[in-house]
Full PDB file with SEQRES, HELIX, SHEET, SSBOND, CRYST1, ORIGX, SCALE, CONECT and MASTER records, all heavy atoms in Angstrom:
SEQRES   1 A   38  ILE GLY SER HIS TYR MET GLN PHE MET PRO VAL VAL GLU          
SEQRES   2 A   38  TYR VAL ASN THR GLU THR ASN ARG ILE THR SER PRO ASP          
SEQRES   3 A   38  ASP GLU ASN CYS LYS LEU ALA PRO TRP SER VAL ASN              
SHEET    1 AA1 2 TYR A  14  ASN A  16  0                                        
SHEET    2 AA1 2 CYS A  30  LEU A  32 -1                                        
CRYST1    1.000    1.000    1.000  90.00  90.00  90.00 P 1           1          
ORIGX1      1.000000  0.000000  0.000000        0.00000                         
ORIGX2      0.000000  1.000000  0.000000        0.00000                         
ORIGX3      0.000000  0.000000  1.000000        0.00000                         
SCALE1      1.000000  0.000000  0.000000        0.00000                         
SCALE2      0.000000  1.000000  0.000000        0.00000                         
SCALE3      0.000000  0.000000  1.000000        0.00000                         
ATOM      1  N   ILE A   1      36.225  52.766 -19.762  1.00  0.00           N  
ATOM      2  CA  ILE A   1      37.305  53.681 -19.366  1.00  0.00           C  
ATOM      3  C   ILE A   1      37.945  54.367 -20.523  1.00  0.00           C  
ATOM      4  O   ILE A   1      38.916  55.134 -20.386  1.00  0.00           O  
ATOM      5  CB  ILE A   1      38.392  52.967 -18.488  1.00  0.00           C  
ATOM      6  CG1 ILE A   1      39.097  51.891 -19.302  1.00  0.00           C  
ATOM      7  CG2 ILE A   1      37.767  52.443 -17.202  1.00  0.00           C  
ATOM      8  CD1 ILE A   1      40.294  51.269 -18.588  1.00  0.00           C  
ATOM      9  N   GLY A   2      37.482  54.111 -21.736  1.00  0.00           N  
ATOM     10  CA  GLY A   2      37.916  54.793 -22.903  1.00  0.00           C  
ATOM     11  C   GLY A   2      39.030  54.158 -23.721  1.00  0.00           C  
ATOM     12  O   GLY A   2      39.716  54.795 -24.547  1.00  0.00           O  
ATOM     13  N   SER A   3      39.243  52.842 -23.536  1.00  0.00           N  
ATOM     14  CA  SER A   3      40.264  52.126 -24.311  1.00  0.00           C  
ATOM     15  C   SER A   3      39.697  51.647 -25.607  1.00  0.00           C  
ATOM     16  O   SER A   3      38.734  50.872 -25.617  1.00  0.00           O  
ATOM     17  CB  SER A   3      40.806  50.944 -23.506  1.00  0.00           C  
ATOM     18  OG  SER A   3      41.727  50.246 -24.268  1.00  0.00           O  
ATOM     19  N   HIS A   4      40.304  52.044 -26.722  1.00  0.00           N  
ATOM     20  CA  HIS A   4      39.930  51.594 -28.017  1.00  0.00           C  
ATOM     21  C   HIS A   4      40.907  50.546 -28.600  1.00  0.00           C  
ATOM     22  O   HIS A   4      40.609  49.865 -29.568  1.00  0.00           O  
ATOM     23  CB  HIS A   4      39.744  52.732 -29.001  1.00  0.00           C  
ATOM     24  CG  HIS A   4      38.474  53.487 -28.848  1.00  0.00           C  
ATOM     25  ND1 HIS A   4      37.402  53.297 -29.674  1.00  0.00           N  
ATOM     26  CD2 HIS A   4      38.086  54.382 -27.883  1.00  0.00           C  
ATOM     27  CE1 HIS A   4      36.376  54.077 -29.290  1.00  0.00           C  
ATOM     28  NE2 HIS A   4      36.788  54.744 -28.230  1.00  0.00           N  
ATOM     29  N   TYR A   5      42.071  50.459 -27.987  1.00  0.00           N  
ATOM     30  CA  TYR A   5      43.086  49.468 -28.383  1.00  0.00           C  
ATOM     31  C   TYR A   5      43.455  48.642 -27.179  1.00  0.00           C  
ATOM     32  O   TYR A   5      44.017  49.145 -26.211  1.00  0.00           O  
ATOM     33  CB  TYR A   5      44.365  50.262 -28.927  1.00  0.00           C  
ATOM     34  CG  TYR A   5      44.076  50.976 -30.216  1.00  0.00           C  
ATOM     35  CD1 TYR A   5      43.538  52.253 -30.162  1.00  0.00           C  
ATOM     36  CD2 TYR A   5      44.252  50.398 -31.476  1.00  0.00           C  
ATOM     37  CE1 TYR A   5      43.273  52.969 -31.361  1.00  0.00           C  
ATOM     38  CE2 TYR A   5      43.977  51.057 -32.662  1.00  0.00           C  
ATOM     39  CZ  TYR A   5      43.515  52.381 -32.555  1.00  0.00           C  
ATOM     40  OH  TYR A   5      43.205  53.038 -33.739  1.00  0.00           O  
ATOM     41  N   MET A   6      43.123  47.388 -27.213  1.00  0.00           N  
ATOM     42  CA  MET A   6      43.259  46.469 -26.054  1.00  0.00           C  
ATOM     43  C   MET A   6      44.242  45.341 -26.351  1.00  0.00           C  
ATOM     44  O   MET A   6      44.085  44.690 -27.400  1.00  0.00           O  
ATOM     45  CB  MET A   6      41.897  45.927 -25.644  1.00  0.00           C  
ATOM     46  CG  MET A   6      40.858  46.947 -25.465  1.00  0.00           C  
ATOM     47  SD  MET A   6      39.249  46.207 -25.142  1.00  0.00           S  
ATOM     48  CE  MET A   6      38.103  47.584 -25.512  1.00  0.00           C  
ATOM     49  N   GLN A   7      45.125  45.120 -25.482  1.00  0.00           N  
ATOM     50  CA  GLN A   7      46.020  43.950 -25.542  1.00  0.00           C  
ATOM     51  C   GLN A   7      45.718  43.024 -24.386  1.00  0.00           C  
ATOM     52  O   GLN A   7      45.802  43.468 -23.218  1.00  0.00           O  
ATOM     53  CB  GLN A   7      47.461  44.381 -25.488  1.00  0.00           C  
ATOM     54  CG  GLN A   7      48.421  43.222 -25.654  1.00  0.00           C  
ATOM     55  CD  GLN A   7      49.914  43.678 -25.615  1.00  0.00           C  
ATOM     56  OE1 GLN A   7      50.189  44.849 -25.623  1.00  0.00           O  
ATOM     57  NE2 GLN A   7      50.806  42.690 -25.570  1.00  0.00           N  
ATOM     58  N   PHE A   8      45.351  41.834 -24.662  1.00  0.00           N  
ATOM     59  CA  PHE A   8      45.052  40.830 -23.616  1.00  0.00           C  
ATOM     60  C   PHE A   8      46.196  39.853 -23.638  1.00  0.00           C  
ATOM     61  O   PHE A   8      46.474  39.155 -24.615  1.00  0.00           O  
ATOM     62  CB  PHE A   8      43.729  40.141 -23.893  1.00  0.00           C  
ATOM     63  CG  PHE A   8      42.540  41.057 -23.769  1.00  0.00           C  
ATOM     64  CD1 PHE A   8      41.904  41.637 -24.862  1.00  0.00           C  
ATOM     65  CD2 PHE A   8      42.037  41.408 -22.512  1.00  0.00           C  
ATOM     66  CE1 PHE A   8      40.834  42.479 -24.753  1.00  0.00           C  
ATOM     67  CE2 PHE A   8      40.914  42.251 -22.384  1.00  0.00           C  
ATOM     68  CZ  PHE A   8      40.342  42.777 -23.458  1.00  0.00           C  
ATOM     69  N   MET A   9      46.828  39.736 -22.459  1.00  0.00           N  
ATOM     70  CA  MET A   9      48.042  38.859 -22.350  1.00  0.00           C  
ATOM     71  C   MET A   9      47.753  37.748 -21.339  1.00  0.00           C  
ATOM     72  O   MET A   9      47.528  37.990 -20.138  1.00  0.00           O  
ATOM     73  CB  MET A   9      49.217  39.740 -21.856  1.00  0.00           C  
ATOM     74  CG  MET A   9      50.546  38.975 -21.835  1.00  0.00           C  
ATOM     75  SD  MET A   9      51.941  40.033 -21.520  1.00  0.00           S  
ATOM     76  CE  MET A   9      51.643  40.423 -19.773  1.00  0.00           C  
ATOM     77  N   PRO A  10      47.740  36.506 -21.761  1.00  0.00           N  
ATOM     78  CA  PRO A  10      47.538  35.389 -20.884  1.00  0.00           C  
ATOM     79  C   PRO A  10      48.650  35.214 -19.928  1.00  0.00           C  
ATOM     80  O   PRO A  10      49.827  35.333 -20.294  1.00  0.00           O  
ATOM     81  CB  PRO A  10      47.385  34.173 -21.824  1.00  0.00           C  
ATOM     82  CG  PRO A  10      48.224  34.606 -23.043  1.00  0.00           C  
ATOM     83  CD  PRO A  10      48.001  36.092 -23.183  1.00  0.00           C  
ATOM     84  N   VAL A  11      48.352  34.974 -18.650  1.00  0.00           N  
ATOM     85  CA  VAL A  11      49.363  34.750 -17.645  1.00  0.00           C  
ATOM     86  C   VAL A  11      49.451  33.185 -17.458  1.00  0.00           C  
ATOM     87  O   VAL A  11      48.576  32.570 -16.933  1.00  0.00           O  
ATOM     88  CB  VAL A  11      48.979  35.403 -16.356  1.00  0.00           C  
ATOM     89  CG1 VAL A  11      49.989  34.937 -15.224  1.00  0.00           C  
ATOM     90  CG2 VAL A  11      49.039  36.917 -16.442  1.00  0.00           C  
ATOM     91  N   VAL A  12      50.548  32.662 -18.009  1.00  0.00           N  
ATOM     92  CA  VAL A  12      50.864  31.272 -17.733  1.00  0.00           C  
ATOM     93  C   VAL A  12      52.339  31.241 -17.298  1.00  0.00           C  
ATOM     94  O   VAL A  12      53.236  31.349 -18.091  1.00  0.00           O  
ATOM     95  CB  VAL A  12      50.715  30.413 -19.045  1.00  0.00           C  
ATOM     96  CG1 VAL A  12      51.066  28.921 -18.726  1.00  0.00           C  
ATOM     97  CG2 VAL A  12      49.247  30.457 -19.512  1.00  0.00           C  
ATOM     98  N   GLU A  13      52.549  31.162 -16.005  1.00  0.00           N  
ATOM     99  CA  GLU A  13      53.894  31.212 -15.484  1.00  0.00           C  
ATOM    100  C   GLU A  13      54.208  29.972 -14.704  1.00  0.00           C  
ATOM    101  O   GLU A  13      53.329  29.405 -14.082  1.00  0.00           O  
ATOM    102  CB  GLU A  13      54.047  32.425 -14.560  1.00  0.00           C  
ATOM    103  CG  GLU A  13      53.802  33.770 -15.244  1.00  0.00           C  
ATOM    104  CD  GLU A  13      54.812  34.238 -16.241  1.00  0.00           C  
ATOM    105  OE1 GLU A  13      55.826  33.444 -16.427  1.00  0.00           O  
ATOM    106  OE2 GLU A  13      54.652  35.291 -16.850  1.00  0.00           O  
ATOM    107  N   TYR A  14      55.455  29.602 -14.769  1.00  0.00           N  
ATOM    108  CA  TYR A  14      55.951  28.472 -14.023  1.00  0.00           C  
ATOM    109  C   TYR A  14      56.981  28.977 -12.992  1.00  0.00           C  
ATOM    110  O   TYR A  14      57.769  29.903 -13.300  1.00  0.00           O  
ATOM    111  CB  TYR A  14      56.558  27.406 -14.859  1.00  0.00           C  
ATOM    112  CG  TYR A  14      55.525  26.524 -15.626  1.00  0.00           C  
ATOM    113  CD1 TYR A  14      54.751  27.060 -16.652  1.00  0.00           C  
ATOM    114  CD2 TYR A  14      55.309  25.227 -15.215  1.00  0.00           C  
ATOM    115  CE1 TYR A  14      53.817  26.291 -17.305  1.00  0.00           C  
ATOM    116  CE2 TYR A  14      54.400  24.462 -15.878  1.00  0.00           C  
ATOM    117  CZ  TYR A  14      53.634  24.991 -16.889  1.00  0.00           C  
ATOM    118  OH  TYR A  14      52.667  24.245 -17.539  1.00  0.00           O  
ATOM    119  N   VAL A  15      56.980  28.406 -11.816  1.00  0.00           N  
ATOM    120  CA  VAL A  15      57.936  28.832 -10.792  1.00  0.00           C  
ATOM    121  C   VAL A  15      58.873  27.665 -10.444  1.00  0.00           C  
ATOM    122  O   VAL A  15      58.442  26.513 -10.532  1.00  0.00           O  
ATOM    123  CB  VAL A  15      57.212  29.302  -9.486  1.00  0.00           C  
ATOM    124  CG1 VAL A  15      56.446  30.618  -9.818  1.00  0.00           C  
ATOM    125  CG2 VAL A  15      56.253  28.256  -8.962  1.00  0.00           C  
ATOM    126  N   ASN A  16      60.099  27.996 -10.086  1.00  0.00           N  
ATOM    127  CA  ASN A  16      61.021  26.976  -9.645  1.00  0.00           C  
ATOM    128  C   ASN A  16      60.550  26.374  -8.347  1.00  0.00           C  
ATOM    129  O   ASN A  16      60.136  27.086  -7.449  1.00  0.00           O  
ATOM    130  CB  ASN A  16      62.439  27.620  -9.534  1.00  0.00           C  
ATOM    131  CG  ASN A  16      63.462  26.586  -9.129  1.00  0.00           C  
ATOM    132  OD1 ASN A  16      63.663  26.252  -7.935  1.00  0.00           O  
ATOM    133  ND2 ASN A  16      64.175  26.114 -10.144  1.00  0.00           N  
ATOM    134  N   THR A  17      60.605  25.072  -8.254  1.00  0.00           N  
ATOM    135  CA  THR A  17      60.066  24.387  -7.078  1.00  0.00           C  
ATOM    136  C   THR A  17      60.876  24.704  -5.797  1.00  0.00           C  
ATOM    137  O   THR A  17      60.348  24.547  -4.717  1.00  0.00           O  
ATOM    138  CB  THR A  17      60.071  22.845  -7.304  1.00  0.00           C  
ATOM    139  OG1 THR A  17      61.349  22.430  -7.665  1.00  0.00           O  
ATOM    140  CG2 THR A  17      59.060  22.493  -8.361  1.00  0.00           C  
ATOM    141  N   GLU A  18      62.107  25.139  -5.954  1.00  0.00           N  
ATOM    142  CA  GLU A  18      62.945  25.396  -4.767  1.00  0.00           C  
ATOM    143  C   GLU A  18      62.894  26.872  -4.385  1.00  0.00           C  
ATOM    144  O   GLU A  18      62.698  27.205  -3.202  1.00  0.00           O  
ATOM    145  CB  GLU A  18      64.407  25.036  -5.037  1.00  0.00           C  
ATOM    146  CG  GLU A  18      64.625  23.497  -5.252  1.00  0.00           C  
ATOM    147  CD  GLU A  18      66.027  23.154  -5.551  1.00  0.00           C  
ATOM    148  OE1 GLU A  18      66.851  24.109  -5.609  1.00  0.00           O  
ATOM    149  OE2 GLU A  18      66.298  21.951  -5.720  1.00  0.00           O  
ATOM    150  N   THR A  19      62.949  27.764  -5.360  1.00  0.00           N  
ATOM    151  CA  THR A  19      63.015  29.196  -5.051  1.00  0.00           C  
ATOM    152  C   THR A  19      61.627  29.842  -5.112  1.00  0.00           C  
ATOM    153  O   THR A  19      61.436  30.966  -4.553  1.00  0.00           O  
ATOM    154  CB  THR A  19      63.913  29.963  -6.042  1.00  0.00           C  
ATOM    155  OG1 THR A  19      63.336  29.835  -7.338  1.00  0.00           O  
ATOM    156  CG2 THR A  19      65.269  29.327  -6.046  1.00  0.00           C  
ATOM    157  N   ASN A  20      60.651  29.216  -5.730  1.00  0.00           N  
ATOM    158  CA  ASN A  20      59.317  29.739  -5.966  1.00  0.00           C  
ATOM    159  C   ASN A  20      59.313  30.998  -6.804  1.00  0.00           C  
ATOM    160  O   ASN A  20      58.397  31.804  -6.811  1.00  0.00           O  
ATOM    161  CB  ASN A  20      58.608  30.024  -4.633  1.00  0.00           C  
ATOM    162  CG  ASN A  20      57.067  29.848  -4.785  1.00  0.00           C  
ATOM    163  OD1 ASN A  20      56.623  28.895  -5.474  1.00  0.00           O  
ATOM    164  ND2 ASN A  20      56.321  30.703  -4.093  1.00  0.00           N  
ATOM    165  N   ARG A  21      60.390  31.189  -7.599  1.00  0.00           N  
ATOM    166  CA  ARG A  21      60.566  32.336  -8.479  1.00  0.00           C  
ATOM    167  C   ARG A  21      60.093  31.895  -9.915  1.00  0.00           C  
ATOM    168  O   ARG A  21      60.280  30.762 -10.335  1.00  0.00           O  
ATOM    169  CB  ARG A  21      62.034  32.791  -8.583  1.00  0.00           C  
ATOM    170  CG  ARG A  21      62.589  33.385  -7.265  1.00  0.00           C  
ATOM    171  CD  ARG A  21      62.268  34.844  -7.200  1.00  0.00           C  
ATOM    172  NE  ARG A  21      63.052  35.511  -6.186  1.00  0.00           N  
ATOM    173  CZ  ARG A  21      63.164  36.798  -6.042  1.00  0.00           C  
ATOM    174  NH1 ARG A  21      62.591  37.608  -6.951  1.00  0.00           N  
ATOM    175  NH2 ARG A  21      63.870  37.319  -5.071  1.00  0.00           N  
ATOM    176  N   ILE A  22      59.541  32.892 -10.656  1.00  0.00           N  
ATOM    177  CA  ILE A  22      59.176  32.631 -12.022  1.00  0.00           C  
ATOM    178  C   ILE A  22      60.384  32.220 -12.825  1.00  0.00           C  
ATOM    179  O   ILE A  22      61.461  32.816 -12.721  1.00  0.00           O  
ATOM    180  CB  ILE A  22      58.509  33.835 -12.641  1.00  0.00           C  
ATOM    181  CG1 ILE A  22      57.126  34.073 -11.967  1.00  0.00           C  
ATOM    182  CG2 ILE A  22      58.320  33.721 -14.154  1.00  0.00           C  
ATOM    183  CD1 ILE A  22      56.428  35.343 -12.425  1.00  0.00           C  
ATOM    184  N   THR A  23      60.217  31.177 -13.643  1.00  0.00           N  
ATOM    185  CA  THR A  23      61.389  30.645 -14.380  1.00  0.00           C  
ATOM    186  C   THR A  23      61.058  30.378 -15.840  1.00  0.00           C  
ATOM    187  O   THR A  23      59.914  30.614 -16.279  1.00  0.00           O  
ATOM    188  CB  THR A  23      61.815  29.324 -13.698  1.00  0.00           C  
ATOM    189  OG1 THR A  23      63.045  28.880 -14.289  1.00  0.00           O  
ATOM    190  CG2 THR A  23      60.779  28.205 -13.859  1.00  0.00           C  
ATOM    191  N   SER A  24      62.023  30.022 -16.603  1.00  0.00           N  
ATOM    192  CA  SER A  24      61.926  29.835 -18.032  1.00  0.00           C  
ATOM    193  C   SER A  24      61.616  28.400 -18.407  1.00  0.00           C  
ATOM    194  O   SER A  24      61.768  27.505 -17.564  1.00  0.00           O  
ATOM    195  CB  SER A  24      63.207  30.281 -18.738  1.00  0.00           C  
ATOM    196  OG  SER A  24      64.286  29.503 -18.341  1.00  0.00           O  
ATOM    197  N   PRO A  25      61.176  28.135 -19.652  1.00  0.00           N  
ATOM    198  CA  PRO A  25      60.801  26.733 -20.067  1.00  0.00           C  
ATOM    199  C   PRO A  25      61.913  25.690 -19.949  1.00  0.00           C  
ATOM    200  O   PRO A  25      61.568  24.541 -19.890  1.00  0.00           O  
ATOM    201  CB  PRO A  25      60.331  26.970 -21.530  1.00  0.00           C  
ATOM    202  CG  PRO A  25      59.907  28.384 -21.599  1.00  0.00           C  
ATOM    203  CD  PRO A  25      60.844  29.132 -20.694  1.00  0.00           C  
ATOM    204  N   ASP A  26      63.120  26.124 -19.981  1.00  0.00           N  
ATOM    205  CA  ASP A  26      64.204  25.102 -19.899  1.00  0.00           C  
ATOM    206  C   ASP A  26      64.601  24.730 -18.432  1.00  0.00           C  
ATOM    207  O   ASP A  26      65.521  23.988 -18.279  1.00  0.00           O  
ATOM    208  CB  ASP A  26      65.445  25.579 -20.634  1.00  0.00           C  
ATOM    209  CG  ASP A  26      65.910  26.952 -20.176  1.00  0.00           C  
ATOM    210  OD1 ASP A  26      65.372  27.501 -19.197  1.00  0.00           O  
ATOM    211  OD2 ASP A  26      66.863  27.498 -20.787  1.00  0.00           O  
ATOM    212  N   ASP A  27      63.798  25.203 -17.477  1.00  0.00           N  
ATOM    213  CA  ASP A  27      64.049  24.781 -16.074  1.00  0.00           C  
ATOM    214  C   ASP A  27      63.296  23.485 -15.840  1.00  0.00           C  
ATOM    215  O   ASP A  27      62.060  23.430 -15.906  1.00  0.00           O  
ATOM    216  CB  ASP A  27      63.536  25.856 -15.139  1.00  0.00           C  
ATOM    217  CG  ASP A  27      63.862  25.600 -13.702  1.00  0.00           C  
ATOM    218  OD1 ASP A  27      64.229  24.484 -13.349  1.00  0.00           O  
ATOM    219  OD2 ASP A  27      63.715  26.552 -12.907  1.00  0.00           O  
ATOM    220  N   GLU A  28      64.025  22.422 -15.505  1.00  0.00           N  
ATOM    221  CA  GLU A  28      63.407  21.124 -15.278  1.00  0.00           C  
ATOM    222  C   GLU A  28      62.685  20.983 -13.944  1.00  0.00           C  
ATOM    223  O   GLU A  28      61.869  20.120 -13.767  1.00  0.00           O  
ATOM    224  CB  GLU A  28      64.455  20.009 -15.438  1.00  0.00           C  
ATOM    225  CG  GLU A  28      65.080  19.939 -16.852  1.00  0.00           C  
ATOM    226  CD  GLU A  28      66.088  18.835 -16.981  1.00  0.00           C  
ATOM    227  OE1 GLU A  28      66.434  18.215 -15.899  1.00  0.00           O  
ATOM    228  OE2 GLU A  28      66.635  18.634 -18.067  1.00  0.00           O  
ATOM    229  N   ASN A  29      63.026  21.857 -12.993  1.00  0.00           N  
ATOM    230  CA  ASN A  29      62.438  21.803 -11.645  1.00  0.00           C  
ATOM    231  C   ASN A  29      61.460  22.953 -11.496  1.00  0.00           C  
ATOM    232  O   ASN A  29      61.689  23.926 -10.837  1.00  0.00           O  
ATOM    233  CB  ASN A  29      63.549  21.883 -10.620  1.00  0.00           C  
ATOM    234  CG  ASN A  29      64.539  20.752 -10.734  1.00  0.00           C  
ATOM    235  OD1 ASN A  29      64.145  19.623 -10.841  1.00  0.00           O  
ATOM    236  ND2 ASN A  29      65.813  21.109 -10.726  1.00  0.00           N  
ATOM    237  N   CYS A  30      60.275  22.768 -12.149  1.00  0.00           N  
ATOM    238  CA  CYS A  30      59.297  23.886 -12.071  1.00  0.00           C  
ATOM    239  C   CYS A  30      57.885  23.308 -11.936  1.00  0.00           C  
ATOM    240  O   CYS A  30      57.641  22.142 -12.193  1.00  0.00           O  
ATOM    241  CB  CYS A  30      59.420  24.743 -13.295  1.00  0.00           C  
ATOM    242  SG  CYS A  30      59.131  23.927 -14.866  1.00  0.00           S  
ATOM    243  N   LYS A  31      56.995  24.249 -11.578  1.00  0.00           N  
ATOM    244  CA  LYS A  31      55.582  23.859 -11.435  1.00  0.00           C  
ATOM    245  C   LYS A  31      54.749  25.076 -11.835  1.00  0.00           C  
ATOM    246  O   LYS A  31      55.244  26.254 -11.835  1.00  0.00           O  
ATOM    247  CB  LYS A  31      55.245  23.493  -9.964  1.00  0.00           C  
ATOM    248  CG  LYS A  31      55.455  24.621  -8.979  1.00  0.00           C  
ATOM    249  CD  LYS A  31      55.117  24.180  -7.547  1.00  0.00           C  
ATOM    250  CE  LYS A  31      55.345  25.339  -6.583  1.00  0.00           C  
ATOM    251  NZ  LYS A  31      55.029  24.948  -5.192  1.00  0.00           N  
ATOM    252  N   LEU A  32      53.483  24.831 -12.196  1.00  0.00           N  
ATOM    253  CA  LEU A  32      52.624  25.905 -12.634  1.00  0.00           C  
ATOM    254  C   LEU A  32      52.278  26.769 -11.510  1.00  0.00           C  
ATOM    255  O   LEU A  32      51.942  26.394 -10.392  1.00  0.00           O  
ATOM    256  CB  LEU A  32      51.290  25.315 -13.206  1.00  0.00           C  
ATOM    257  CG  LEU A  32      50.336  26.211 -13.877  1.00  0.00           C  
ATOM    258  CD1 LEU A  32      50.962  26.776 -15.198  1.00  0.00           C  
ATOM    259  CD2 LEU A  32      49.020  25.504 -14.205  1.00  0.00           C  
ATOM    260  N   ALA A  33      52.368  28.073 -11.734  1.00  0.00           N  
ATOM    261  CA  ALA A  33      52.045  29.112 -10.725  1.00  0.00           C  
ATOM    262  C   ALA A  33      50.536  29.156 -10.510  1.00  0.00           C  
ATOM    263  O   ALA A  33      49.745  29.004 -11.434  1.00  0.00           O  
ATOM    264  CB  ALA A  33      52.570  30.432 -11.150  1.00  0.00           C  
ATOM    265  N   PRO A  34      50.099  29.390  -9.247  1.00  0.00           N  
ATOM    266  CA  PRO A  34      48.683  29.321  -8.925  1.00  0.00           C  
ATOM    267  C   PRO A  34      47.806  30.377  -9.589  1.00  0.00           C  
ATOM    268  O   PRO A  34      46.593  30.224  -9.664  1.00  0.00           O  
ATOM    269  CB  PRO A  34      48.645  29.477  -7.385  1.00  0.00           C  
ATOM    270  CG  PRO A  34      49.929  30.101  -7.048  1.00  0.00           C  
ATOM    271  CD  PRO A  34      50.897  29.630  -8.049  1.00  0.00           C  
ATOM    272  N   TRP A  35      48.384  31.523 -10.035  1.00  0.00           N  
ATOM    273  CA  TRP A  35      47.661  32.595 -10.635  1.00  0.00           C  
ATOM    274  C   TRP A  35      47.486  32.381 -12.165  1.00  0.00           C  
ATOM    275  O   TRP A  35      46.869  33.164 -12.817  1.00  0.00           O  
ATOM    276  CB  TRP A  35      48.355  33.912 -10.399  1.00  0.00           C  
ATOM    277  CG  TRP A  35      49.802  33.905 -10.797  1.00  0.00           C  
ATOM    278  CD1 TRP A  35      50.359  33.991 -12.009  1.00  0.00           C  
ATOM    279  CD2 TRP A  35      50.894  33.829  -9.870  1.00  0.00           C  
ATOM    280  NE1 TRP A  35      51.701  33.966 -11.938  1.00  0.00           N  
ATOM    281  CE2 TRP A  35      52.080  33.845 -10.617  1.00  0.00           C  
ATOM    282  CE3 TRP A  35      51.020  33.698  -8.483  1.00  0.00           C  
ATOM    283  CZ2 TRP A  35      53.372  33.739 -10.081  1.00  0.00           C  
ATOM    284  CZ3 TRP A  35      52.283  33.604  -7.924  1.00  0.00           C  
ATOM    285  CH2 TRP A  35      53.462  33.624  -8.688  1.00  0.00           C  
ATOM    286  N   SER A  36      48.087  31.305 -12.709  1.00  0.00           N  
ATOM    287  CA  SER A  36      48.009  31.054 -14.155  1.00  0.00           C  
ATOM    288  C   SER A  36      46.618  30.759 -14.613  1.00  0.00           C  
ATOM    289  O   SER A  36      45.848  30.065 -13.960  1.00  0.00           O  
ATOM    290  CB  SER A  36      48.947  29.908 -14.544  1.00  0.00           C  
ATOM    291  OG  SER A  36      50.318  30.250 -14.267  1.00  0.00           O  
ATOM    292  N   VAL A  37      46.226  31.231 -15.820  1.00  0.00           N  
ATOM    293  CA  VAL A  37      45.000  30.923 -16.389  1.00  0.00           C  
ATOM    294  C   VAL A  37      44.977  29.531 -16.992  1.00  0.00           C  
ATOM    295  O   VAL A  37      45.957  29.036 -17.501  1.00  0.00           O  
ATOM    296  CB  VAL A  37      44.663  31.979 -17.469  1.00  0.00           C  
ATOM    297  CG1 VAL A  37      45.596  31.864 -18.699  1.00  0.00           C  
ATOM    298  CG2 VAL A  37      43.177  31.868 -17.932  1.00  0.00           C  
ATOM    299  N   ASN A  38      43.827  28.872 -16.877  1.00  0.00           N  
ATOM    300  CA  ASN A  38      43.641  27.573 -17.498  1.00  0.00           C  
ATOM    301  C   ASN A  38      43.623  27.766 -18.987  1.00  0.00           C  
ATOM    302  O   ASN A  38      42.915  28.698 -19.475  1.00  0.00           O  
ATOM    303  CB  ASN A  38      42.348  27.013 -17.010  1.00  0.00           C  
ATOM    304  CG  ASN A  38      41.956  25.666 -17.693  1.00  0.00           C  
ATOM    305  OD1 ASN A  38      41.464  25.658 -18.818  1.00  0.00           O  
ATOM    306  ND2 ASN A  38      42.280  24.549 -17.034  1.00  0.00           N  
TER     307      ASN A  38                                                      
MASTER        0    0    0    0    2    0    0    6  306    1    0    3          
END                                                                             
């Protein structure tokens, strides 16, 4: 498609177990999101 400059960004997200919203590392109530790369 003509891209000569590529940025690859790994998706590793955690979601809050109650809200199911993406959350930050300091959230103790979280789980790995199903779309995250191994």
